[in-house]
Amino acid sequence: MAAAKQKNKEENIPEPASRPVSDEAILKVTKEVVVKFIEVGRLTPANFDETFQNIYKTVHNAVRS
């Protein structure tokens, strides 16, 4: 592990953030994705609920895994 940290320092690669992502941040990211989907016509009121839940779960799993 120490060797990996040393290599990152040599290559100026920042270490991943270790603080947890808040539920509010996950919700904000989900909202931004949903807004983009609405803007490009990929999301309609008929499938909003299902799509929002899927996006939220995906973002949540990505940052909390």
PDB file of N, CA and C in Angstrom:
ATOM      1  N   MET A   1       0.817  -1.190   0.000  1.00  0.00           N
ATOM      2  CA  MET A   1       0.000   0.000   0.000  1.00  0.00           C
ATOM      3  C   MET A   1       0.863   1.256   0.000  1.00  0.00           C
ATOM      4  N   ALA A   2       1.932   1.240   0.768  1.00  0.00           N
ATOM      5  CA  ALA A   2       2.815   2.391   0.822  1.00  0.00           C
ATOM      6  C   ALA A   2       3.457   2.640  -0.534  1.00  0.00           C
ATOM      7  N   ALA A   3       3.758   1.568  -1.252  1.00  0.00           N
ATOM      8  CA  ALA A   3       4.355   1.719  -2.578  1.00  0.00           C
ATOM      9  C   ALA A   3       3.377   2.392  -3.534  1.00  0.00           C
ATOM     10  N   ALA A   4       2.093   2.060  -3.427  1.00  0.00           N
ATOM     11  CA  ALA A   4       1.079   2.678  -4.296  1.00  0.00           C
ATOM     12  C   ALA A   4       0.956   4.168  -3.997  1.00  0.00           C
ATOM     13  N   LYS A   5       0.989   4.532  -2.712  1.00  0.00           N
ATOM     14  CA  LYS A   5       0.913   5.946  -2.340  1.00  0.00           C
ATOM     15  C   LYS A   5       2.126   6.704  -2.869  1.00  0.00           C
ATOM     16  N   GLN A   6       3.304   6.098  -2.747  1.00  0.00           N
ATOM     17  CA  GLN A   6       4.521   6.730  -3.238  1.00  0.00           C
ATOM     18  C   GLN A   6       4.446   6.925  -4.746  1.00  0.00           C
ATOM     19  N   LYS A   7       3.945   5.900  -5.463  1.00  0.00           N
ATOM     20  CA  LYS A   7       3.812   6.003  -6.916  1.00  0.00           C
ATOM     21  C   LYS A   7       2.857   7.129  -7.290  1.00  0.00           C
ATOM     22  N   ASN A   8       1.719   7.246  -6.560  1.00  0.00           N
ATOM     23  CA  ASN A   8       0.762   8.320  -6.828  1.00  0.00           C
ATOM     24  C   ASN A   8       1.393   9.692  -6.617  1.00  0.00           C
ATOM     25  N   LYS A   9       2.205   9.814  -5.578  1.00  0.00           N
ATOM     26  CA  LYS A   9       2.869  11.095  -5.319  1.00  0.00           C
ATOM     27  C   LYS A   9       3.841  11.431  -6.437  1.00  0.00           C
ATOM     28  N   GLU A  10       4.564  10.427  -6.914  1.00  0.00           N
ATOM     29  CA  GLU A  10       5.525  10.647  -7.988  1.00  0.00           C
ATOM     30  C   GLU A  10       4.832  11.063  -9.284  1.00  0.00           C
ATOM     31  N   GLU A  11       3.643  10.495  -9.543  1.00  0.00           N
ATOM     32  CA  GLU A  11       2.918  10.783 -10.776  1.00  0.00           C
ATOM     33  C   GLU A  11       1.907  11.908 -10.604  1.00  0.00           C
ATOM     34  N   ASN A  12       1.854  12.510  -9.422  1.00  0.00           N
ATOM     35  CA  ASN A  12       0.926  13.594  -9.107  1.00  0.00           C
ATOM     36  C   ASN A  12      -0.536  13.195  -9.302  1.00  0.00           C
ATOM     37  N   ILE A  13      -0.858  11.956  -8.947  1.00  0.00           N
ATOM     38  CA  ILE A  13      -2.227  11.473  -9.017  1.00  0.00           C
ATOM     39  C   ILE A  13      -2.842  11.636  -7.634  1.00  0.00           C
ATOM     40  N   PRO A  14      -3.931  12.400  -7.527  1.00  0.00           N
ATOM     41  CA  PRO A  14      -4.538  12.580  -6.204  1.00  0.00           C
ATOM     42  C   PRO A  14      -5.165  11.281  -5.711  1.00  0.00           C
ATOM     43  N   GLU A  15      -5.117  11.082  -4.405  1.00  0.00           N
ATOM     44  CA  GLU A  15      -5.750   9.909  -3.823  1.00  0.00           C
ATOM     45  C   GLU A  15      -7.264  10.126  -3.805  1.00  0.00           C
ATOM     46  N   PRO A  16      -8.042   9.051  -3.911  1.00  0.00           N
ATOM     47  CA  PRO A  16      -9.496   9.203  -3.878  1.00  0.00           C
ATOM     48  C   PRO A  16      -9.946   9.803  -2.557  1.00  0.00           C
ATOM     49  N   ALA A  17     -11.013  10.581  -2.619  1.00  0.00           N
ATOM     50  CA  ALA A  17     -11.552  11.192  -1.406  1.00  0.00           C
ATOM     51  C   ALA A  17     -12.080  10.097  -0.495  1.00  0.00           C
ATOM     52  N   SER A  18     -11.819  10.229   0.780  1.00  0.00           N
ATOM     53  CA  SER A  18     -12.236   9.186   1.704  1.00  0.00           C
ATOM     54  C   SER A  18     -13.454   9.584   2.525  1.00  0.00           C
ATOM     55  N   ARG A  19     -13.953  10.792   2.339  1.00  0.00           N
ATOM     56  CA  ARG A  19     -15.119  11.170   3.119  1.00  0.00           C
ATOM     57  C   ARG A  19     -16.388  10.685   2.409  1.00  0.00           C
ATOM     58  N   PRO A  20     -17.389  10.346   3.170  1.00  0.00           N
ATOM     59  CA  PRO A  20     -18.608   9.790   2.577  1.00  0.00           C
ATOM     60  C   PRO A  20     -19.394  10.833   1.781  1.00  0.00           C
ATOM     61  N   VAL A  21     -20.134  10.344   0.810  1.00  0.00           N
ATOM     62  CA  VAL A  21     -20.981  11.209  -0.010  1.00  0.00           C
ATOM     63  C   VAL A  21     -22.343  11.291   0.661  1.00  0.00           C
ATOM     64  N   SER A  22     -22.858  12.497   0.829  1.00  0.00           N
ATOM     65  CA  SER A  22     -24.137  12.672   1.512  1.00  0.00           C
ATOM     66  C   SER A  22     -25.308  12.270   0.620  1.00  0.00           C
ATOM     67  N   ASP A  23     -26.424  11.958   1.256  1.00  0.00           N
ATOM     68  CA  ASP A  23     -27.653  11.651   0.513  1.00  0.00           C
ATOM     69  C   ASP A  23     -28.081  12.851  -0.326  1.00  0.00           C
ATOM     70  N   GLU A  24     -27.837  14.051   0.204  1.00  0.00           N
ATOM     71  CA  GLU A  24     -28.189  15.268  -0.525  1.00  0.00           C
ATOM     72  C   GLU A  24     -27.383  15.381  -1.823  1.00  0.00           C
ATOM     73  N   ALA A  25     -26.114  15.043  -1.770  1.00  0.00           N
ATOM     74  CA  ALA A  25     -25.271  15.093  -2.964  1.00  0.00           C
ATOM     75  C   ALA A  25     -25.734  14.069  -3.997  1.00  0.00           C
ATOM     76  N   ILE A  26     -26.101  12.884  -3.532  1.00  0.00           N
ATOM     77  CA  ILE A  26     -26.608  11.854  -4.440  1.00  0.00           C
ATOM     78  C   ILE A  26     -27.889  12.335  -5.103  1.00  0.00           C
ATOM     79  N   LEU A  27     -28.765  12.959  -4.334  1.00  0.00           N
ATOM     80  CA  LEU A  27     -30.021  13.480  -4.877  1.00  0.00           C
ATOM     81  C   LEU A  27     -29.772  14.583  -5.900  1.00  0.00           C
ATOM     82  N   LYS A  28     -28.801  15.455  -5.643  1.00  0.00           N
ATOM     83  CA  LYS A  28     -28.486  16.538  -6.582  1.00  0.00           C
ATOM     84  C   LYS A  28     -27.952  15.991  -7.908  1.00  0.00           C
ATOM     85  N   VAL A  29     -27.075  14.991  -7.830  1.00  0.00           N
ATOM     86  CA  VAL A  29     -26.543  14.386  -9.051  1.00  0.00           C
ATOM     87  C   VAL A  29     -27.670  13.719  -9.826  1.00  0.00           C
ATOM     88  N   THR A  30     -28.528  12.995  -9.113  1.00  0.00           N
ATOM     89  CA  THR A  30     -29.663  12.332  -9.752  1.00  0.00           C
ATOM     90  C   THR A  30     -30.543  13.359 -10.454  1.00  0.00           C
ATOM     91  N   LYS A  31     -30.803  14.464  -9.791  1.00  0.00           N
ATOM     92  CA  LYS A  31     -31.636  15.529 -10.374  1.00  0.00           C
ATOM     93  C   LYS A  31     -31.013  16.064 -11.660  1.00  0.00           C
ATOM     94  N   GLU A  32     -29.711  16.296 -11.648  1.00  0.00           N
ATOM     95  CA  GLU A  32     -29.041  16.812 -12.835  1.00  0.00           C
ATOM     96  C   GLU A  32     -29.141  15.839 -14.008  1.00  0.00           C
ATOM     97  N   VAL A  33     -28.986  14.551 -13.728  1.00  0.00           N
ATOM     98  CA  VAL A  33     -29.099  13.547 -14.786  1.00  0.00           C
ATOM     99  C   VAL A  33     -30.522  13.522 -15.330  1.00  0.00           C
ATOM    100  N   VAL A  34     -31.502  13.567 -14.429  1.00  0.00           N
ATOM    101  CA  VAL A  34     -32.912  13.560 -14.846  1.00  0.00           C
ATOM    102  C   VAL A  34     -33.222  14.785 -15.698  1.00  0.00           C
ATOM    103  N   VAL A  35     -32.733  15.938 -15.292  1.00  0.00           N
ATOM    104  CA  VAL A  35     -32.970  17.171 -16.065  1.00  0.00           C
ATOM    105  C   VAL A  35     -32.392  17.029 -17.471  1.00  0.00           C
ATOM    106  N   LYS A  36     -31.193  16.469 -17.580  1.00  0.00           N
ATOM    107  CA  LYS A  36     -30.595  16.265 -18.903  1.00  0.00           C
ATOM    108  C   LYS A  36     -31.431  15.310 -19.744  1.00  0.00           C
ATOM    109  N   PHE A  37     -31.909  14.238 -19.126  1.00  0.00           N
ATOM    110  CA  PHE A  37     -32.750  13.286 -19.857  1.00  0.00           C
ATOM    111  C   PHE A  37     -34.036  13.950 -20.341  1.00  0.00           C
ATOM    112  N   ILE A  38     -34.615  14.827 -19.524  1.00  0.00           N
ATOM    113  CA  ILE A  38     -35.815  15.548 -19.940  1.00  0.00           C
ATOM    114  C   ILE A  38     -35.491  16.475 -21.106  1.00  0.00           C
ATOM    115  N   GLU A  39     -34.367  17.187 -21.019  1.00  0.00           N
ATOM    116  CA  GLU A  39     -33.972  18.129 -22.073  1.00  0.00           C
ATOM    117  C   GLU A  39     -33.775  17.457 -23.423  1.00  0.00           C
ATOM    118  N   VAL A  40     -33.248  16.238 -23.423  1.00  0.00           N
ATOM    119  CA  VAL A  40     -32.989  15.561 -24.695  1.00  0.00           C
ATOM    120  C   VAL A  40     -34.143  14.655 -25.118  1.00  0.00           C
ATOM    121  N   GLY A  41     -35.223  14.640 -24.315  1.00  0.00           N
ATOM    122  CA  GLY A  41     -36.409  13.899 -24.692  1.00  0.00           C
ATOM    123  C   GLY A  41     -36.386  12.420 -24.374  1.00  0.00           C
ATOM    124  N   ARG A  42     -35.478  11.981 -23.530  1.00  0.00           N
ATOM    125  CA  ARG A  42     -35.404  10.556 -23.182  1.00  0.00           C
ATOM    126  C   ARG A  42     -36.266  10.210 -21.978  1.00  0.00           C
ATOM    127  N   LEU A  43     -36.834  11.206 -21.333  1.00  0.00           N
ATOM    128  CA  LEU A  43     -37.638  10.983 -20.135  1.00  0.00           C
ATOM    129  C   LEU A  43     -38.964  11.704 -20.293  1.00  0.00           C
ATOM    130  N   THR A  44     -40.045  10.971 -20.044  1.00  0.00           N
ATOM    131  CA  THR A  44     -41.387  11.542 -20.142  1.00  0.00           C
ATOM    132  C   THR A  44     -42.085  11.390 -18.799  1.00  0.00           C
ATOM    133  N   PRO A  45     -43.179  12.115 -18.589  1.00  0.00           N
ATOM    134  CA  PRO A  45     -43.913  11.962 -17.329  1.00  0.00           C
ATOM    135  C   PRO A  45     -44.393  10.519 -17.092  1.00  0.00           C
ATOM    136  N   ALA A  46     -44.645   9.794 -18.157  1.00  0.00           N
ATOM    137  CA  ALA A  46     -45.133   8.424 -18.020  1.00  0.00           C
ATOM    138  C   ALA A  46     -44.097   7.493 -17.396  1.00  0.00           C
ATOM    139  N   ASN A  47     -42.825   7.731 -17.656  1.00  0.00           N
ATOM    140  CA  ASN A  47     -41.798   6.831 -17.113  1.00  0.00           C
ATOM    141  C   ASN A  47     -40.885   7.525 -16.101  1.00  0.00           C
ATOM    142  N   PHE A  48     -41.307   8.692 -15.599  1.00  0.00           N
ATOM    143  CA  PHE A  48     -40.480   9.463 -14.683  1.00  0.00           C
ATOM    144  C   PHE A  48     -40.149   8.688 -13.411  1.00  0.00           C
ATOM    145  N   ASP A  49     -41.153   8.127 -12.760  1.00  0.00           N
ATOM    146  CA  ASP A  49     -40.946   7.468 -11.469  1.00  0.00           C
ATOM    147  C   ASP A  49     -39.937   6.330 -11.566  1.00  0.00           C
ATOM    148  N   GLU A  50     -40.137   5.463 -12.523  1.00  0.00           N
ATOM    149  CA  GLU A  50     -39.243   4.316 -12.687  1.00  0.00           C
ATOM    150  C   GLU A  50     -37.827   4.766 -13.043  1.00  0.00           C
ATOM    151  N   THR A  51     -37.729   5.719 -13.957  1.00  0.00           N
ATOM    152  CA  THR A  51     -36.414   6.197 -14.398  1.00  0.00           C
ATOM    153  C   THR A  51     -35.675   6.897 -13.261  1.00  0.00           C
ATOM    154  N   PHE A  52     -36.383   7.750 -12.507  1.00  0.00           N
ATOM    155  CA  PHE A  52     -35.751   8.461 -11.395  1.00  0.00           C
ATOM    156  C   PHE A  52     -35.202   7.466 -10.385  1.00  0.00           C
ATOM    157  N   GLN A  53     -35.988   6.451 -10.042  1.00  0.00           N
ATOM    158  CA  GLN A  53     -35.534   5.447  -9.076  1.00  0.00           C
ATOM    159  C   GLN A  53     -34.300   4.705  -9.580  1.00  0.00           C
ATOM    160  N   ASN A  54     -34.299   4.363 -10.865  1.00  0.00           N
ATOM    161  CA  ASN A  54     -33.152   3.650 -11.433  1.00  0.00           C
ATOM    162  C   ASN A  54     -31.891   4.510 -11.413  1.00  0.00           C
ATOM    163  N   ILE A  55     -32.039   5.775 -11.764  1.00  0.00           N
ATOM    164  CA  ILE A  55     -30.883   6.680 -11.764  1.00  0.00           C
ATOM    165  C   ILE A  55     -30.367   6.863 -10.339  1.00  0.00           C
ATOM    166  N   TYR A  56     -31.283   7.068  -9.388  1.00  0.00           N
ATOM    167  CA  TYR A  56     -30.880   7.252  -7.993  1.00  0.00           C
ATOM    168  C   TYR A  56     -30.114   6.034  -7.485  1.00  0.00           C
ATOM    169  N   LYS A  57     -30.641   4.844  -7.739  1.00  0.00           N
ATOM    170  CA  LYS A  57     -29.982   3.617  -7.287  1.00  0.00           C
ATOM    171  C   LYS A  57     -28.602   3.469  -7.917  1.00  0.00           C
ATOM    172  N   THR A  58     -28.502   3.818  -9.190  1.00  0.00           N
ATOM    173  CA  THR A  58     -27.224   3.708  -9.890  1.00  0.00           C
ATOM    174  C   THR A  58     -26.185   4.656  -9.290  1.00  0.00           C
ATOM    175  N   VAL A  59     -26.580   5.907  -9.069  1.00  0.00           N
ATOM    176  CA  VAL A  59     -25.658   6.890  -8.487  1.00  0.00           C
ATOM    177  C   VAL A  59     -25.287   6.462  -7.067  1.00  0.00           C
ATOM    178  N   HIS A  60     -26.267   6.057  -6.293  1.00  0.00           N
ATOM    179  CA  HIS A  60     -26.029   5.616  -4.903  1.00  0.00           C
ATOM    180  C   HIS A  60     -25.046   4.456  -4.862  1.00  0.00           C
ATOM    181  N   ASN A  61     -25.266   3.460  -5.706  1.00  0.00           N
ATOM    182  CA  ASN A  61     -24.375   2.295  -5.730  1.00  0.00           C
ATOM    183  C   ASN A  61     -22.973   2.658  -6.206  1.00  0.00           C
ATOM    184  N   ALA A  62     -22.885   3.616  -7.115  1.00  0.00           N
ATOM    185  CA  ALA A  62     -21.579   4.018  -7.635  1.00  0.00           C
ATOM    186  C   ALA A  62     -20.730   4.710  -6.577  1.00  0.00           C
ATOM    187  N   VAL A  63     -21.342   5.515  -5.735  1.00  0.00           N
ATOM    188  CA  VAL A  63     -20.558   6.267  -4.759  1.00  0.00           C
ATOM    189  C   VAL A  63     -20.432   5.579  -3.407  1.00  0.00           C
ATOM    190  N   ARG A  64     -21.271   4.611  -3.147  1.00  0.00           N
ATOM    191  CA  ARG A  64     -21.239   3.938  -1.854  1.00  0.00           C
ATOM    192  C   ARG A  64     -20.698   2.525  -1.905  1.00  0.00           C
ATOM    193  N   SER A  65     -20.224   2.087  -3.068  1.00  0.00           N
ATOM    194  CA  SER A  65     -19.721   0.712  -3.160  1.00  0.00           C
ATOM    195  C   SER A  65     -18.247   0.632  -2.858  1.00  0.00           C
TER     196      SER A  65
END
